[in-house]
Amino acid sequence: MSIALKETTSIKLDKQSKENAKLIFKELGITMGDAMNMFLSQVNLHQGLPFDVKIPNKLTKKVIEESRQDINTEDFSLDDLHK
């Protein structure tokens, strides 16, 4: 059995995204370090990012921009989506 060596590193993250993610990780019972190690393991396994990265189409860009400007946004529940 090999013991994985740990190394401290410093990365710049979007503050709000980090805080939101930490809440999710807490619910999952893992640390930010655990999550980052899982991500890096998946990068190594897939020999690249473990998800698709694509340039959004015109409609998606429009919707993203509108949401940033709080245009055509309203609260909804998951039940609303299933209707």
N, C-alpha and C. Protein backbone atom coordinates (compact mmCIF):
# COMPACT_ATOMS: atom_id res chain seq x y z
N MET A 1 0.85 -1.17 0.00
CA MET A 1 0.00 0.00 0.00
C MET A 1 0.88 1.23 0.00
N SER A 2 0.65 2.15 -0.96
CA SER A 2 1.45 3.36 -1.01
C SER A 2 0.72 4.49 -0.31
N ILE A 3 1.49 5.38 0.26
CA ILE A 3 0.93 6.53 0.96
C ILE A 3 1.09 7.74 0.04
N ALA A 4 -0.02 8.41 -0.23
CA ALA A 4 0.02 9.59 -1.11
C ALA A 4 0.64 10.74 -0.34
N LEU A 5 1.63 11.36 -0.95
CA LEU A 5 2.24 12.53 -0.35
C LEU A 5 1.35 13.73 -0.60
N LYS A 6 1.18 14.55 0.41
CA LYS A 6 0.33 15.75 0.29
C LYS A 6 1.22 16.96 0.13
N GLU A 7 0.74 17.94 -0.62
CA GLU A 7 1.48 19.17 -0.86
C GLU A 7 0.52 20.34 -0.73
N THR A 8 0.95 21.37 -0.05
CA THR A 8 0.15 22.58 0.06
C THR A 8 0.36 23.43 -1.17
N THR A 9 -0.74 23.99 -1.68
CA THR A 9 -0.66 24.84 -2.86
C THR A 9 -1.58 26.04 -2.65
N SER A 10 -1.38 27.04 -3.45
CA SER A 10 -2.19 28.25 -3.36
C SER A 10 -2.81 28.53 -4.73
N ILE A 11 -4.12 28.72 -4.75
CA ILE A 11 -4.81 29.04 -6.00
C ILE A 11 -5.79 30.19 -5.74
N LYS A 12 -6.02 30.99 -6.75
CA LYS A 12 -6.98 32.09 -6.65
C LYS A 12 -8.33 31.59 -7.15
N LEU A 13 -9.35 31.75 -6.31
CA LEU A 13 -10.69 31.29 -6.63
C LEU A 13 -11.68 32.43 -6.51
N ASP A 14 -12.77 32.34 -7.26
CA ASP A 14 -13.87 33.27 -7.10
C ASP A 14 -14.45 33.06 -5.70
N LYS A 15 -14.49 34.12 -4.90
CA LYS A 15 -14.87 34.00 -3.49
C LYS A 15 -16.26 33.40 -3.31
N GLN A 16 -17.26 33.91 -4.05
CA GLN A 16 -18.63 33.42 -3.87
C GLN A 16 -18.76 31.96 -4.30
N SER A 17 -18.13 31.60 -5.41
CA SER A 17 -18.18 30.21 -5.87
C SER A 17 -17.55 29.29 -4.83
N LYS A 18 -16.45 29.72 -4.26
CA LYS A 18 -15.76 28.92 -3.24
C LYS A 18 -16.66 28.72 -2.03
N GLU A 19 -17.28 29.79 -1.55
CA GLU A 19 -18.13 29.69 -0.36
C GLU A 19 -19.34 28.80 -0.63
N ASN A 20 -19.95 28.94 -1.81
CA ASN A 20 -21.09 28.08 -2.17
C ASN A 20 -20.66 26.62 -2.22
N ALA A 21 -19.51 26.37 -2.82
CA ALA A 21 -19.01 25.00 -2.94
C ALA A 21 -18.70 24.41 -1.57
N LYS A 22 -18.14 25.22 -0.67
CA LYS A 22 -17.82 24.72 0.67
C LYS A 22 -19.07 24.23 1.39
N LEU A 23 -20.20 24.91 1.19
CA LEU A 23 -21.46 24.47 1.81
C LEU A 23 -21.89 23.12 1.26
N ILE A 24 -21.72 22.93 -0.04
CA ILE A 24 -22.06 21.65 -0.66
C ILE A 24 -21.13 20.56 -0.15
N PHE A 25 -19.83 20.85 -0.11
CA PHE A 25 -18.87 19.86 0.37
C PHE A 25 -19.17 19.47 1.82
N LYS A 26 -19.57 20.44 2.63
CA LYS A 26 -19.90 20.15 4.03
C LYS A 26 -21.05 19.16 4.10
N GLU A 27 -22.07 19.37 3.26
CA GLU A 27 -23.20 18.43 3.21
C GLU A 27 -22.75 17.04 2.78
N LEU A 28 -21.77 16.99 1.89
CA LEU A 28 -21.25 15.71 1.41
C LEU A 28 -20.27 15.07 2.39
N GLY A 29 -19.85 15.84 3.40
CA GLY A 29 -18.92 15.31 4.39
C GLY A 29 -17.48 15.27 3.90
N ILE A 30 -17.14 16.18 2.97
CA ILE A 30 -15.77 16.24 2.46
C ILE A 30 -15.24 17.66 2.61
N THR A 31 -13.94 17.78 2.54
CA THR A 31 -13.29 19.09 2.63
C THR A 31 -13.02 19.63 1.23
N MET A 32 -12.65 20.90 1.19
CA MET A 32 -12.25 21.50 -0.09
C MET A 32 -11.06 20.73 -0.65
N GLY A 33 -10.13 20.35 0.19
CA GLY A 33 -8.96 19.57 -0.25
C GLY A 33 -9.36 18.22 -0.83
N ASP A 34 -10.32 17.54 -0.15
CA ASP A 34 -10.83 16.26 -0.67
C ASP A 34 -11.41 16.46 -2.07
N ALA A 35 -12.22 17.51 -2.22
CA ALA A 35 -12.87 17.77 -3.51
C ALA A 35 -11.84 18.06 -4.59
N MET A 36 -10.84 18.85 -4.26
CA MET A 36 -9.81 19.17 -5.25
C MET A 36 -9.01 17.93 -5.62
N ASN A 37 -8.72 17.07 -4.65
CA ASN A 37 -8.01 15.82 -4.96
C ASN A 37 -8.86 14.91 -5.85
N MET A 38 -10.19 14.88 -5.62
CA MET A 38 -11.07 14.10 -6.49
C MET A 38 -11.05 14.66 -7.90
N PHE A 39 -11.11 15.98 -8.01
CA PHE A 39 -11.07 16.62 -9.33
C PHE A 39 -9.77 16.28 -10.05
N LEU A 40 -8.64 16.41 -9.36
CA LEU A 40 -7.35 16.11 -9.98
C LEU A 40 -7.25 14.64 -10.39
N SER A 41 -7.79 13.74 -9.56
CA SER A 41 -7.80 12.32 -9.92
C SER A 41 -8.60 12.09 -11.19
N GLN A 42 -9.73 12.79 -11.33
CA GLN A 42 -10.55 12.65 -12.53
C GLN A 42 -9.84 13.23 -13.76
N VAL A 43 -9.14 14.34 -13.57
CA VAL A 43 -8.35 14.91 -14.68
C VAL A 43 -7.33 13.89 -15.16
N ASN A 44 -6.64 13.25 -14.22
CA ASN A 44 -5.64 12.25 -14.58
C ASN A 44 -6.28 11.04 -15.25
N LEU A 45 -7.41 10.60 -14.72
CA LEU A 45 -8.11 9.44 -15.28
C LEU A 45 -8.59 9.71 -16.70
N HIS A 46 -9.15 10.90 -16.95
CA HIS A 46 -9.69 11.25 -18.26
C HIS A 46 -8.65 11.85 -19.20
N GLN A 47 -7.46 12.12 -18.67
CA GLN A 47 -6.41 12.78 -19.45
C GLN A 47 -6.92 14.11 -20.01
N GLY A 48 -7.65 14.83 -19.19
CA GLY A 48 -8.22 16.12 -19.56
C GLY A 48 -9.29 16.49 -18.54
N LEU A 49 -10.03 17.52 -18.85
CA LEU A 49 -11.10 17.91 -17.95
C LEU A 49 -12.18 16.83 -17.92
N PRO A 50 -12.72 16.53 -16.74
CA PRO A 50 -13.70 15.45 -16.64
C PRO A 50 -15.13 15.89 -17.00
N PHE A 51 -15.24 16.94 -17.79
CA PHE A 51 -16.53 17.43 -18.26
C PHE A 51 -16.29 18.20 -19.54
N ASP A 52 -17.34 18.36 -20.34
CA ASP A 52 -17.23 19.09 -21.60
C ASP A 52 -17.11 20.59 -21.34
N VAL A 53 -16.25 21.23 -22.08
CA VAL A 53 -16.13 22.69 -22.05
C VAL A 53 -16.40 23.17 -23.47
N LYS A 54 -17.49 23.92 -23.60
CA LYS A 54 -17.90 24.35 -24.94
C LYS A 54 -18.21 25.84 -24.93
N ILE A 55 -18.08 26.45 -26.08
CA ILE A 55 -18.47 27.85 -26.25
C ILE A 55 -19.98 27.86 -26.43
N PRO A 56 -20.70 28.64 -25.61
CA PRO A 56 -22.16 28.64 -25.72
C PRO A 56 -22.64 29.21 -27.06
N ASN A 57 -23.80 28.72 -27.51
CA ASN A 57 -24.37 29.24 -28.75
C ASN A 57 -25.00 30.61 -28.49
N LYS A 58 -25.51 31.26 -29.54
CA LYS A 58 -26.03 32.63 -29.41
C LYS A 58 -27.18 32.73 -28.41
N LEU A 59 -28.09 31.75 -28.43
CA LEU A 59 -29.23 31.79 -27.51
C LEU A 59 -28.75 31.65 -26.07
N THR A 60 -27.85 30.73 -25.84
CA THR A 60 -27.33 30.53 -24.48
C THR A 60 -26.60 31.79 -24.01
N LYS A 61 -25.80 32.40 -24.87
CA LYS A 61 -25.11 33.65 -24.52
C LYS A 61 -26.12 34.73 -24.15
N LYS A 62 -27.21 34.82 -24.93
CA LYS A 62 -28.24 35.83 -24.67
C LYS A 62 -28.88 35.59 -23.30
N VAL A 63 -29.23 34.34 -23.00
CA VAL A 63 -29.86 34.01 -21.72
C VAL A 63 -28.90 34.29 -20.56
N ILE A 64 -27.63 33.96 -20.72
CA ILE A 64 -26.64 34.23 -19.67
C ILE A 64 -26.54 35.73 -19.43
N GLU A 65 -26.45 36.51 -20.50
CA GLU A 65 -26.34 37.96 -20.36
C GLU A 65 -27.60 38.54 -19.71
N GLU A 66 -28.77 38.06 -20.11
CA GLU A 66 -30.01 38.54 -19.51
C GLU A 66 -30.06 38.21 -18.02
N SER A 67 -29.62 37.04 -17.66
CA SER A 67 -29.65 36.67 -16.24
C SER A 67 -28.68 37.52 -15.43
N ARG A 68 -27.55 37.86 -16.01
CA ARG A 68 -26.60 38.75 -15.33
C ARG A 68 -27.20 40.13 -15.11
N GLN A 69 -28.09 40.55 -16.01
CA GLN A 69 -28.74 41.85 -15.91
C GLN A 69 -30.10 41.75 -15.21
N ASP A 70 -30.41 40.57 -14.69
CA ASP A 70 -31.67 40.30 -13.99
C ASP A 70 -32.87 40.55 -14.89
N ILE A 71 -32.73 40.20 -16.17
CA ILE A 71 -33.81 40.32 -17.15
C ILE A 71 -34.42 38.93 -17.34
N ASN A 72 -35.75 38.88 -17.37
CA ASN A 72 -36.47 37.61 -17.58
C ASN A 72 -36.12 36.56 -16.53
N THR A 73 -35.89 37.02 -15.30
CA THR A 73 -35.60 36.08 -14.21
C THR A 73 -36.73 36.13 -13.21
N GLU A 74 -37.08 34.99 -12.72
CA GLU A 74 -38.09 34.90 -11.67
C GLU A 74 -37.82 33.65 -10.87
N ASP A 75 -38.26 33.67 -9.62
CA ASP A 75 -38.07 32.50 -8.77
C ASP A 75 -38.95 31.36 -9.24
N PHE A 76 -38.45 30.13 -9.09
CA PHE A 76 -39.24 28.95 -9.43
C PHE A 76 -38.75 27.80 -8.56
N SER A 77 -39.57 26.80 -8.45
CA SER A 77 -39.21 25.62 -7.66
C SER A 77 -38.97 24.45 -8.61
N LEU A 78 -38.42 23.39 -8.07
CA LEU A 78 -38.22 22.18 -8.87
C LEU A 78 -39.56 21.62 -9.31
N ASP A 79 -40.59 21.77 -8.46
CA ASP A 79 -41.93 21.31 -8.84
C ASP A 79 -42.41 22.06 -10.08
N ASP A 80 -42.10 23.36 -10.17
CA ASP A 80 -42.50 24.14 -11.35
C ASP A 80 -41.85 23.57 -12.62
N LEU A 81 -40.61 23.11 -12.51
CA LEU A 81 -39.91 22.56 -13.68
C LEU A 81 -40.54 21.25 -14.15
N HIS A 82 -41.11 20.51 -13.21
CA HIS A 82 -41.70 19.21 -13.57
C HIS A 82 -43.10 19.35 -14.17
N LYS A 83 -43.66 20.54 -14.13
CA LYS A 83 -45.02 20.76 -14.66
C LYS A 83 -44.99 20.85 -16.17
